Amino acid sequence: MKIYMSDIRKAKMCSQGTRAFFLSKGWDFQDFLKNGIDIEIVKNCDDAMAKQVIEVFENGRE
């Protein structure tokens, strides 16, 4: 499963902060905007805001 920018927005987070987060992790933000990112990658980063996005993502899929 993949997380997309729409999921980030559902978690009430902005694109500017998301871009900065991706840069800090060395992840390709432009690729994320086009293709999303695998949820397992996000789960493995052990970040409180990432966990919030995952929670919103998983609760929205039920």
Protein backbone atom coordinates (compact mmCIF):
# COMPACT_ATOMS: atom_id res chain seq x y z
CA MET A 1 0.00 0.00 0.00
CA LYS A 2 1.13 3.51 -0.73
CA ILE A 3 0.67 6.86 0.96
CA TYR A 4 -0.07 9.87 -1.26
CA MET A 5 -0.17 13.62 -0.73
CA SER A 6 -3.92 13.37 -0.23
CA ASP A 7 -3.25 11.18 2.82
CA ILE A 8 -0.79 13.75 4.16
CA ARG A 9 -3.45 16.44 3.81
CA LYS A 10 -6.04 14.25 5.57
CA ALA A 11 -3.61 14.18 8.49
CA LYS A 12 -3.73 18.01 8.39
CA MET A 13 -0.10 18.39 7.31
CA CYS A 14 1.20 20.72 4.62
CA SER A 15 3.25 20.07 1.51
CA GLN A 16 6.07 22.39 2.61
CA GLY A 17 6.60 20.47 5.85
CA THR A 18 6.29 17.18 4.01
CA ARG A 19 8.91 18.27 1.50
CA ALA A 20 11.30 19.26 4.31
CA PHE A 21 10.66 15.91 6.02
CA PHE A 22 11.40 14.00 2.82
CA LEU A 23 14.61 15.97 2.29
CA SER A 24 15.72 15.21 5.87
CA LYS A 25 15.21 11.49 5.19
CA GLY A 26 16.89 11.57 1.77
CA TRP A 27 13.63 10.56 0.06
CA ASP A 28 12.61 11.80 -3.39
CA PHE A 29 9.74 14.23 -2.85
CA GLN A 30 8.97 14.67 -6.56
CA ASP A 31 8.70 10.89 -6.99
CA PHE A 32 6.38 10.80 -3.98
CA LEU A 33 4.11 13.41 -5.55
CA LYS A 34 3.87 11.34 -8.73
CA ASN A 35 3.86 7.81 -7.33
CA GLY A 36 3.26 7.89 -3.57
CA ILE A 37 5.51 6.12 -1.07
CA ASP A 38 5.28 2.59 0.29
CA ILE A 39 3.73 2.62 3.76
CA GLU A 40 6.45 0.29 5.07
CA ILE A 41 9.13 2.89 4.33
CA VAL A 42 7.22 5.46 6.35
CA LYS A 43 6.55 3.00 9.19
CA ASN A 44 10.26 2.23 9.47
CA CYS A 45 11.33 5.86 9.92
CA ASP A 46 10.15 5.98 13.57
CA ASP A 47 8.86 9.56 13.52
CA ALA A 48 5.88 10.90 15.51
CA MET A 49 4.42 12.87 12.60
CA ALA A 50 4.88 9.93 10.24
CA LYS A 51 3.01 7.75 12.75
CA GLN A 52 0.18 10.28 12.72
CA VAL A 53 -0.08 10.05 8.93
CA ILE A 54 -0.06 6.25 9.12
CA GLU A 55 -2.82 6.28 11.72
CA VAL A 56 -5.01 8.56 9.59
CA PHE A 57 -4.20 6.44 6.52
CA GLU A 58 -5.06 3.14 8.21
CA ASN A 59 -8.23 4.46 9.89
CA GLY A 60 -9.42 5.91 6.58
CA ARG A 61 -8.99 2.57 4.81
CA GLU A 62 -11.14 0.56 7.22
